[in-house]
């Protein structure tokens, strides 16, 4: 088989970027939930995440489900709904703007102070 089936098999292709981004996202999610247990990624609106994802992918507003699914498949997702669920874990970190020094847990993950667009 030519293509890796797991993240471990793709480690030479991914390098340290994916694990670092994942660690920062999950650390931020834990901090937000610790501040208020009602604020979890499970409570995020799927429609809001879908809108964010379509915007990040440069898709026109109101494009069809077929276009959304095809674009998601081009990015190695089963369909757009799957992409939305995976994005749920990264949505808060993608939307965060860090204006002060990162917290101890974010600093431990290697996060640096910078605004996100």
N, C-alpha and C. Protein backbone atom coordinates (compact mmCIF):
# COMPACT_ATOMS: atom_id res chain seq x y z
N UNK A 1 0.84 -1.17 0.00
CA UNK A 1 0.00 0.00 0.00
C UNK A 1 0.89 1.25 0.00
N UNK A 2 0.57 2.20 -0.85
CA UNK A 2 1.37 3.40 -0.99
C UNK A 2 1.03 4.44 0.07
N UNK A 3 -0.24 4.64 0.35
CA UNK A 3 -0.68 5.69 1.26
C UNK A 3 -0.74 5.19 2.70
N UNK A 4 -0.28 6.03 3.65
CA UNK A 4 -0.36 5.63 5.06
C UNK A 4 -1.81 5.54 5.52
N UNK A 5 -2.09 4.58 6.38
CA UNK A 5 -3.45 4.40 6.88
C UNK A 5 -3.65 5.03 8.25
N UNK A 6 -2.57 5.32 8.94
CA UNK A 6 -2.68 5.90 10.28
C UNK A 6 -1.72 7.08 10.40
N UNK A 7 -1.94 7.90 11.44
CA UNK A 7 -1.04 9.02 11.70
C UNK A 7 0.37 8.51 11.97
N UNK A 8 0.48 7.41 12.69
CA UNK A 8 1.81 6.85 13.00
C UNK A 8 2.55 6.49 11.72
N UNK A 9 1.85 5.89 10.76
CA UNK A 9 2.48 5.52 9.50
C UNK A 9 2.87 6.74 8.68
N UNK A 10 2.20 7.86 8.90
CA UNK A 10 2.45 9.09 8.14
C UNK A 10 3.39 10.04 8.86
N UNK A 11 4.02 9.59 9.92
CA UNK A 11 4.84 10.50 10.73
C UNK A 11 5.93 11.19 9.93
N UNK A 12 6.53 10.52 8.96
CA UNK A 12 7.55 11.15 8.14
C UNK A 12 6.96 12.27 7.29
N UNK A 13 5.71 12.15 6.92
CA UNK A 13 5.05 13.17 6.11
C UNK A 13 4.55 14.34 6.95
N UNK A 14 4.10 14.04 8.16
CA UNK A 14 3.49 15.07 9.00
C UNK A 14 4.48 15.85 9.83
N UNK A 15 5.56 15.25 10.23
CA UNK A 15 6.52 15.92 11.09
C UNK A 15 5.88 16.26 12.42
N UNK A 16 6.33 17.33 13.05
CA UNK A 16 5.86 17.72 14.37
C UNK A 16 4.70 18.70 14.32
N UNK A 17 4.30 19.17 13.15
CA UNK A 17 3.27 20.20 13.06
C UNK A 17 1.92 19.71 13.54
N UNK A 18 1.46 18.57 13.04
CA UNK A 18 0.13 18.09 13.42
C UNK A 18 0.02 17.81 14.91
N UNK A 19 0.96 17.08 15.52
CA UNK A 19 0.85 16.85 16.96
C UNK A 19 0.89 18.15 17.78
N UNK A 20 1.70 19.12 17.37
CA UNK A 20 1.78 20.38 18.11
C UNK A 20 0.45 21.14 18.02
N UNK A 21 -0.12 21.21 16.84
CA UNK A 21 -1.41 21.89 16.67
C UNK A 21 -2.50 21.19 17.47
N UNK A 22 -2.48 19.88 17.45
CA UNK A 22 -3.47 19.11 18.19
C UNK A 22 -3.31 19.33 19.70
N UNK A 23 -2.08 19.34 20.18
CA UNK A 23 -1.82 19.55 21.61
C UNK A 23 -2.30 20.91 22.06
N UNK A 24 -2.05 21.94 21.26
CA UNK A 24 -2.50 23.29 21.61
C UNK A 24 -4.02 23.36 21.61
N UNK A 25 -4.65 22.78 20.60
CA UNK A 25 -6.12 22.80 20.52
C UNK A 25 -6.75 22.12 21.72
N UNK A 26 -6.26 20.94 22.06
CA UNK A 26 -6.84 20.21 23.19
C UNK A 26 -6.54 20.89 24.52
N UNK A 27 -5.37 21.51 24.65
CA UNK A 27 -5.05 22.24 25.89
C UNK A 27 -5.99 23.43 26.05
N UNK A 28 -6.23 24.15 24.96
CA UNK A 28 -7.15 25.29 25.02
C UNK A 28 -8.56 24.83 25.36
N UNK A 29 -9.01 23.74 24.75
CA UNK A 29 -10.34 23.21 25.05
C UNK A 29 -10.47 22.84 26.52
N UNK A 30 -9.43 22.21 27.10
CA UNK A 30 -9.46 21.84 28.52
C UNK A 30 -9.52 23.08 29.41
N UNK A 31 -8.78 24.13 29.06
CA UNK A 31 -8.80 25.36 29.85
C UNK A 31 -10.18 26.02 29.83
N UNK A 32 -10.78 26.07 28.66
CA UNK A 32 -12.10 26.70 28.54
C UNK A 32 -13.13 25.90 29.32
N UNK A 33 -13.08 24.59 29.23
CA UNK A 33 -14.02 23.75 29.98
C UNK A 33 -13.77 23.86 31.49
N UNK A 34 -12.52 23.98 31.90
CA UNK A 34 -12.22 24.12 33.33
C UNK A 34 -12.78 25.42 33.89
N UNK A 35 -12.77 26.47 33.07
CA UNK A 35 -13.32 27.76 33.51
C UNK A 35 -14.83 27.71 33.64
N UNK A 36 -15.48 26.92 32.79
CA UNK A 36 -16.94 26.78 32.84
C UNK A 36 -17.30 25.45 32.20
N UNK A 37 -17.69 24.44 32.97
CA UNK A 37 -17.98 23.11 32.43
C UNK A 37 -19.07 23.08 31.36
N UNK A 38 -19.86 24.14 31.27
CA UNK A 38 -20.88 24.19 30.21
C UNK A 38 -20.28 24.52 28.86
N UNK A 39 -19.04 25.01 28.85
CA UNK A 39 -18.38 25.39 27.60
C UNK A 39 -17.46 24.26 27.14
N UNK A 40 -18.00 23.40 26.33
CA UNK A 40 -17.23 22.29 25.77
C UNK A 40 -17.40 22.29 24.26
N UNK A 41 -16.54 21.59 23.59
CA UNK A 41 -16.67 21.51 22.13
C UNK A 41 -17.94 20.77 21.73
N UNK A 42 -18.47 19.93 22.62
CA UNK A 42 -19.71 19.22 22.32
C UNK A 42 -20.89 20.18 22.21
N UNK A 43 -20.79 21.34 22.85
CA UNK A 43 -21.88 22.31 22.81
C UNK A 43 -21.78 23.29 21.65
N UNK A 44 -20.74 23.20 20.85
CA UNK A 44 -20.58 24.11 19.72
C UNK A 44 -21.61 23.79 18.64
N UNK A 45 -22.10 24.83 18.01
CA UNK A 45 -23.08 24.69 16.95
C UNK A 45 -22.44 24.11 15.69
N UNK A 46 -22.98 23.01 15.19
CA UNK A 46 -22.46 22.40 13.96
C UNK A 46 -22.59 23.37 12.79
N UNK A 47 -23.64 24.17 12.77
CA UNK A 47 -23.83 25.14 11.69
C UNK A 47 -22.74 26.22 11.72
N UNK A 48 -22.38 26.65 12.91
CA UNK A 48 -21.34 27.67 13.04
C UNK A 48 -19.98 27.10 12.62
N UNK A 49 -19.71 25.87 13.01
CA UNK A 49 -18.46 25.23 12.60
C UNK A 49 -18.44 25.04 11.09
N UNK A 50 -19.56 24.61 10.52
CA UNK A 50 -19.66 24.41 9.07
C UNK A 50 -19.40 25.71 8.33
N UNK A 51 -19.97 26.79 8.82
CA UNK A 51 -19.76 28.10 8.19
C UNK A 51 -18.29 28.50 8.26
N UNK A 52 -17.68 28.30 9.42
CA UNK A 52 -16.26 28.60 9.59
C UNK A 52 -15.41 27.77 8.64
N UNK A 53 -15.70 26.50 8.55
CA UNK A 53 -14.93 25.60 7.70
C UNK A 53 -15.07 25.98 6.23
N UNK A 54 -16.28 26.25 5.78
CA UNK A 54 -16.50 26.64 4.38
C UNK A 54 -15.76 27.94 4.07
N UNK A 55 -15.78 28.86 5.02
CA UNK A 55 -15.06 30.13 4.83
C UNK A 55 -13.55 29.89 4.75
N UNK A 56 -13.02 29.05 5.65
CA UNK A 56 -11.58 28.75 5.64
C UNK A 56 -11.16 28.07 4.34
N UNK A 57 -12.06 27.28 3.76
CA UNK A 57 -11.76 26.59 2.52
C UNK A 57 -12.01 27.46 1.30
N UNK A 58 -12.50 28.69 1.51
CA UNK A 58 -12.71 29.61 0.40
C UNK A 58 -13.92 29.29 -0.46
N UNK A 59 -14.91 28.63 0.12
CA UNK A 59 -16.11 28.26 -0.63
C UNK A 59 -17.11 29.42 -0.62
N UNK A 60 -17.87 29.58 -1.70
CA UNK A 60 -18.88 30.64 -1.71
C UNK A 60 -20.01 30.35 -0.73
N UNK A 61 -20.57 31.39 -0.18
CA UNK A 61 -21.67 31.23 0.77
C UNK A 61 -22.86 30.57 0.08
N UNK A 62 -23.47 29.60 0.77
CA UNK A 62 -24.66 28.94 0.24
C UNK A 62 -24.38 27.90 -0.84
N UNK A 63 -23.15 27.38 -0.92
CA UNK A 63 -22.88 26.37 -1.95
C UNK A 63 -23.60 25.07 -1.60
N UNK A 64 -23.77 24.24 -2.58
CA UNK A 64 -24.56 23.02 -2.41
C UNK A 64 -23.85 21.99 -1.55
N UNK A 65 -24.63 21.05 -1.06
CA UNK A 65 -24.10 19.95 -0.25
C UNK A 65 -23.10 19.13 -1.07
N UNK A 66 -23.37 18.97 -2.37
CA UNK A 66 -22.46 18.22 -3.23
C UNK A 66 -21.10 18.89 -3.31
N UNK A 67 -21.08 20.21 -3.39
CA UNK A 67 -19.82 20.95 -3.43
C UNK A 67 -19.09 20.81 -2.10
N UNK A 68 -19.84 20.94 -1.00
CA UNK A 68 -19.23 20.78 0.33
C UNK A 68 -18.63 19.38 0.50
N UNK A 69 -19.37 18.36 0.11
CA UNK A 69 -18.88 16.98 0.23
C UNK A 69 -17.66 16.75 -0.66
N UNK A 70 -17.69 17.25 -1.88
CA UNK A 70 -16.55 17.07 -2.80
C UNK A 70 -15.31 17.78 -2.26
N UNK A 71 -15.49 18.97 -1.73
CA UNK A 71 -14.36 19.71 -1.17
C UNK A 71 -13.79 18.98 0.04
N UNK A 72 -14.66 18.43 0.86
CA UNK A 72 -14.20 17.66 2.02
C UNK A 72 -13.43 16.41 1.58
N UNK A 73 -13.95 15.72 0.57
CA UNK A 73 -13.25 14.53 0.08
C UNK A 73 -11.87 14.89 -0.50
N UNK A 74 -11.77 16.07 -1.13
CA UNK A 74 -10.47 16.52 -1.63
C UNK A 74 -9.47 16.72 -0.50
N UNK A 75 -9.98 16.90 0.71
CA UNK A 75 -9.13 17.12 1.88
C UNK A 75 -9.07 15.88 2.78
N UNK A 76 -9.40 14.74 2.23
CA UNK A 76 -9.29 13.44 2.89
C UNK A 76 -10.33 13.16 3.95
N UNK A 77 -11.47 13.85 3.90
CA UNK A 77 -12.59 13.53 4.78
C UNK A 77 -13.60 12.69 4.02
N UNK A 78 -14.40 11.91 4.74
CA UNK A 78 -15.42 11.09 4.10
C UNK A 78 -16.47 11.97 3.43
N UNK A 79 -16.89 13.02 4.13
CA UNK A 79 -17.86 13.97 3.61
C UNK A 79 -17.78 15.24 4.46
N UNK A 80 -18.59 16.22 4.16
CA UNK A 80 -18.52 17.50 4.87
C UNK A 80 -18.93 17.34 6.34
N UNK A 81 -19.91 16.52 6.62
CA UNK A 81 -20.33 16.32 8.01
C UNK A 81 -19.17 15.76 8.85
N UNK A 82 -18.39 14.86 8.28
CA UNK A 82 -17.22 14.31 8.98
C UNK A 82 -16.19 15.41 9.23
N UNK A 83 -15.99 16.27 8.26
CA UNK A 83 -15.04 17.37 8.41
C UNK A 83 -15.47 18.31 9.53
N UNK A 84 -16.77 18.56 9.62
CA UNK A 84 -17.29 19.43 10.69
C UNK A 84 -17.01 18.81 12.05
N UNK A 85 -17.22 17.51 12.19
CA UNK A 85 -17.00 16.86 13.49
C UNK A 85 -15.52 16.86 13.87
N UNK A 86 -14.62 16.67 12.91
CA UNK A 86 -13.19 16.72 13.21
C UNK A 86 -12.79 18.15 13.57
N UNK A 87 -13.35 19.12 12.86
CA UNK A 87 -13.03 20.52 13.10
C UNK A 87 -13.50 20.98 14.47
N UNK A 88 -14.52 20.35 15.01
CA UNK A 88 -15.06 20.72 16.33
C UNK A 88 -13.94 20.84 17.37
N UNK A 89 -12.99 19.91 17.36
CA UNK A 89 -11.90 19.91 18.36
C UNK A 89 -10.93 21.06 18.16
N UNK A 90 -10.87 21.61 16.94
CA UNK A 90 -9.90 22.66 16.64
C UNK A 90 -10.54 24.04 16.49
N UNK A 91 -11.85 24.12 16.56
CA UNK A 91 -12.56 25.37 16.31
C UNK A 91 -12.17 26.47 17.29
N UNK A 92 -12.15 26.15 18.58
CA UNK A 92 -11.84 27.18 19.58
C UNK A 92 -10.43 27.72 19.41
N UNK A 93 -9.47 26.87 19.15
CA UNK A 93 -8.11 27.36 18.99
C UNK A 93 -7.95 28.15 17.70
N UNK A 94 -8.72 27.82 16.68
CA UNK A 94 -8.66 28.56 15.43
C UNK A 94 -9.27 29.94 15.59
N UNK A 95 -10.23 30.08 16.49
CA UNK A 95 -10.92 31.35 16.69
C UNK A 95 -10.32 32.19 17.81
N UNK A 96 -9.40 31.61 18.60
CA UNK A 96 -8.85 32.32 19.75
C UNK A 96 -7.87 33.40 19.32
N UNK A 97 -7.90 34.49 20.06
CA UNK A 97 -6.90 35.53 19.90
C UNK A 97 -6.21 35.65 21.24
N UNK A 98 -4.94 35.33 21.28
CA UNK A 98 -4.20 35.39 22.52
C UNK A 98 -3.64 36.80 22.67
N UNK A 99 -4.09 37.50 23.72
CA UNK A 99 -3.66 38.88 23.91
C UNK A 99 -2.72 39.03 25.09
N UNK A 100 -2.59 37.99 25.89
CA UNK A 100 -1.65 38.00 27.00
C UNK A 100 -0.78 36.79 26.87
N UNK A 101 0.15 36.63 27.77
CA UNK A 101 1.02 35.47 27.72
C UNK A 101 0.19 34.20 27.80
N UNK A 102 0.57 33.16 27.06
CA UNK A 102 -0.18 31.92 27.13
C UNK A 102 -0.13 31.32 28.53
N UNK A 103 -1.17 30.58 28.86
CA UNK A 103 -1.23 29.93 30.17
C UNK A 103 -0.13 28.88 30.27
N UNK A 104 0.07 28.38 31.47
CA UNK A 104 1.12 27.39 31.70
C UNK A 104 0.91 26.14 30.85
N UNK A 105 -0.36 25.69 30.71
CA UNK A 105 -0.59 24.46 29.93
C UNK A 105 -0.36 24.70 28.45
N UNK A 106 -0.71 25.88 27.95
CA UNK A 106 -0.45 26.18 26.54
C UNK A 106 1.05 26.35 26.31
N UNK A 107 1.73 27.02 27.24
CA UNK A 107 3.18 27.19 27.10
C UNK A 107 3.87 25.84 27.10
N UNK A 108 3.37 24.91 27.91
CA UNK A 108 3.96 23.57 27.97
C UNK A 108 3.81 22.83 26.65
N UNK A 109 2.78 23.19 25.88
CA UNK A 109 2.55 22.56 24.58
C UNK A 109 3.36 23.25 23.47
N UNK A 110 4.06 24.32 23.84
CA UNK A 110 4.85 25.03 22.83
C UNK A 110 4.10 26.14 22.15
N UNK A 111 2.96 26.57 22.71
CA UNK A 111 2.19 27.65 22.10
C UNK A 111 2.96 28.95 22.23
N UNK A 112 2.81 29.81 21.25
CA UNK A 112 3.43 31.12 21.35
C UNK A 112 2.36 32.19 21.25
N UNK A 113 2.68 33.36 21.72
CA UNK A 113 1.70 34.44 21.73
C UNK A 113 1.61 35.01 20.32
N UNK A 114 0.46 34.85 19.69
CA UNK A 114 0.23 35.44 18.37
C UNK A 114 -1.25 35.43 18.07
N UNK A 115 -1.75 36.46 17.37
CA UNK A 115 -3.17 36.48 17.03
C UNK A 115 -3.43 35.47 15.93
N UNK A 116 -4.63 34.91 15.91
CA UNK A 116 -5.04 33.95 14.89
C UNK A 116 -6.03 34.64 13.97
N UNK A 117 -5.98 34.31 12.71
CA UNK A 117 -6.94 34.89 11.77
C UNK A 117 -7.93 33.87 11.33
